């Protein structure tokens, strides 16, 4: 997705976090944006509009037909100027 500003690291067992897309932005090296165990989740690319809708529960993010209910902003990425959620 060319306009994907955010990468969502889905983890069904812990917290799912919205990061800046590391393909487009310089992110903190401590951010865990890599693929997770398939059972635990995975990654989803999202536009700013989509990510904002997921945070506000206006849309439901799903991965492998499971709803993601534990979504929050990445504390490291959200301190960056480009992070506008």
C-alpha atoms as a PDB file:
ATOM      1  CA  UNK A   1       0.000   0.000   0.000  1.00  0.00           C
ATOM      2  CA  UNK A   2       1.804   3.105  -1.249  1.00  0.00           C
ATOM      3  CA  UNK A   3       0.055   5.583   1.059  1.00  0.00           C
ATOM      4  CA  UNK A   4       0.453   3.494   4.230  1.00  0.00           C
ATOM      5  CA  UNK A   5       1.734   5.948   6.819  1.00  0.00           C
ATOM      6  CA  UNK A   6       1.404   3.481   9.688  1.00  0.00           C
ATOM      7  CA  UNK A   7       2.324  -0.104  10.453  1.00  0.00           C
ATOM      8  CA  UNK A   8       0.176  -1.854  13.013  1.00  0.00           C
ATOM      9  CA  UNK A   9       1.887  -4.628  14.910  1.00  0.00           C
ATOM     10  CA  UNK A  10      -0.965  -6.905  15.949  1.00  0.00           C
ATOM     11  CA  UNK A  11      -0.474  -9.090  18.999  1.00  0.00           C
ATOM     12  CA  UNK A  12      -3.613 -10.835  20.206  1.00  0.00           C
ATOM     13  CA  UNK A  13      -2.007 -11.934  23.473  1.00  0.00           C
ATOM     14  CA  UNK A  14      -0.493  -8.597  24.512  1.00  0.00           C
ATOM     15  CA  UNK A  15      -0.844  -5.032  23.178  1.00  0.00           C
ATOM     16  CA  UNK A  16      -1.151  -4.166  19.496  1.00  0.00           C
ATOM     17  CA  UNK A  17       0.680  -0.947  18.633  1.00  0.00           C
ATOM     18  CA  UNK A  18       0.449   1.570  15.823  1.00  0.00           C
ATOM     19  CA  UNK A  19       3.908   2.592  14.596  1.00  0.00           C
ATOM     20  CA  UNK A  20       5.049   4.898  11.843  1.00  0.00           C
ATOM     21  CA  UNK A  21       5.748   2.828   8.738  1.00  0.00           C
ATOM     22  CA  UNK A  22       9.503   2.048   8.913  1.00  0.00           C
ATOM     23  CA  UNK A  23       9.634   1.915   5.097  1.00  0.00           C
ATOM     24  CA  UNK A  24       8.831   5.651   4.988  1.00  0.00           C
ATOM     25  CA  UNK A  25       9.953   7.112   8.317  1.00  0.00           C
ATOM     26  CA  UNK A  26      12.941   6.973  10.617  1.00  0.00           C
ATOM     27  CA  UNK A  27      11.632   5.182  13.692  1.00  0.00           C
ATOM     28  CA  UNK A  28      13.191   4.359  17.037  1.00  0.00           C
ATOM     29  CA  UNK A  29      15.287   1.181  16.903  1.00  0.00           C
ATOM     30  CA  UNK A  30      13.442  -0.106  19.995  1.00  0.00           C
ATOM     31  CA  UNK A  31      10.121  -0.284  18.131  1.00  0.00           C
ATOM     32  CA  UNK A  32       9.087  -3.886  17.506  1.00  0.00           C
ATOM     33  CA  UNK A  33       7.610  -3.775  14.007  1.00  0.00           C
ATOM     34  CA  UNK A  34       8.691  -7.191  12.743  1.00  0.00           C
ATOM     35  CA  UNK A  35       6.397 -10.107  12.025  1.00  0.00           C
ATOM     36  CA  UNK A  36       5.071 -11.921  15.038  1.00  0.00           C
ATOM     37  CA  UNK A  37       4.345 -15.579  15.563  1.00  0.00           C
ATOM     38  CA  UNK A  38       1.411 -16.374  13.254  1.00  0.00           C
ATOM     39  CA  UNK A  39      -0.729 -17.405  16.239  1.00  0.00           C
ATOM     40  CA  UNK A  40       0.096 -14.195  18.112  1.00  0.00           C
ATOM     41  CA  UNK A  41      -0.679 -11.845  15.220  1.00  0.00           C
ATOM     42  CA  UNK A  42       1.184 -10.090  12.431  1.00  0.00           C
ATOM     43  CA  UNK A  43       1.489  -6.713  10.777  1.00  0.00           C
ATOM     44  CA  UNK A  44      -1.008  -4.547   8.925  1.00  0.00           C
ATOM     45  CA  UNK A  45      -0.267  -1.423   6.887  1.00  0.00           C
ATOM     46  CA  UNK A  46      -2.755   1.421   7.249  1.00  0.00           C
ATOM     47  CA  UNK A  47      -3.327   4.930   5.998  1.00  0.00           C
ATOM     48  CA  UNK A  48      -3.673   7.744   8.505  1.00  0.00           C
ATOM     49  CA  UNK A  49      -7.457   7.721   8.065  1.00  0.00           C
ATOM     50  CA  UNK A  50      -7.694   3.973   8.655  1.00  0.00           C
ATOM     51  CA  UNK A  51      -5.453   4.034  11.732  1.00  0.00           C
ATOM     52  CA  UNK A  52      -7.431   6.928  13.220  1.00  0.00           C
ATOM     53  CA  UNK A  53     -10.704   5.056  12.605  1.00  0.00           C
ATOM     54  CA  UNK A  54      -9.349   1.930  14.300  1.00  0.00           C
ATOM     55  CA  UNK A  55      -8.236   3.904  17.366  1.00  0.00           C
ATOM     56  CA  UNK A  56     -11.625   5.586  17.700  1.00  0.00           C
ATOM     57  CA  UNK A  57     -13.464   2.269  17.193  1.00  0.00           C
ATOM     58  CA  UNK A  58     -15.200   3.666  14.129  1.00  0.00           C
ATOM     59  CA  UNK A  59     -13.851   0.695  12.141  1.00  0.00           C
ATOM     60  CA  UNK A  60     -12.837  -2.698  13.409  1.00  0.00           C
ATOM     61  CA  UNK A  61      -9.382  -3.918  12.485  1.00  0.00           C
ATOM     62  CA  UNK A  62      -9.275  -7.636  11.829  1.00  0.00           C
ATOM     63  CA  UNK A  63      -6.395 -10.000  11.174  1.00  0.00           C
ATOM     64  CA  UNK A  64      -7.026 -13.602  10.155  1.00  0.00           C
ATOM     65  CA  UNK A  65     -10.742 -12.977  10.723  1.00  0.00           C
ATOM     66  CA  UNK A  66     -10.122 -12.009  14.375  1.00  0.00           C
ATOM     67  CA  UNK A  67     -10.954  -8.525  15.665  1.00  0.00           C
ATOM     68  CA  UNK A  68      -8.101  -6.547  17.203  1.00  0.00           C
ATOM     69  CA  UNK A  69      -9.382  -5.155  20.511  1.00  0.00           C
ATOM     70  CA  UNK A  70      -6.148  -4.105  22.232  1.00  0.00           C
ATOM     71  CA  UNK A  71      -4.900  -1.316  19.952  1.00  0.00           C
ATOM     72  CA  UNK A  72      -2.899   1.692  21.134  1.00  0.00           C
ATOM     73  CA  UNK A  73      -0.379   4.233  19.900  1.00  0.00           C
ATOM     74  CA  UNK A  74       3.322   3.396  20.068  1.00  0.00           C
ATOM     75  CA  UNK A  75       4.801   5.605  22.778  1.00  0.00           C
ATOM     76  CA  UNK A  76       8.129   5.861  20.956  1.00  0.00           C
ATOM     77  CA  UNK A  77       6.695   6.681  17.518  1.00  0.00           C
ATOM     78  CA  UNK A  78       4.048   9.059  18.862  1.00  0.00           C
ATOM     79  CA  UNK A  79       6.768  11.436  20.030  1.00  0.00           C
ATOM     80  CA  UNK A  80       7.825  11.989  16.401  1.00  0.00           C
ATOM     81  CA  UNK A  81       6.536  15.026  14.529  1.00  0.00           C
ATOM     82  CA  UNK A  82       5.203  12.873  11.664  1.00  0.00           C
ATOM     83  CA  UNK A  83       2.968  10.869  14.025  1.00  0.00           C
ATOM     84  CA  UNK A  84      -0.367  12.646  13.805  1.00  0.00           C
ATOM     85  CA  UNK A  85      -2.819  10.279  15.472  1.00  0.00           C
END
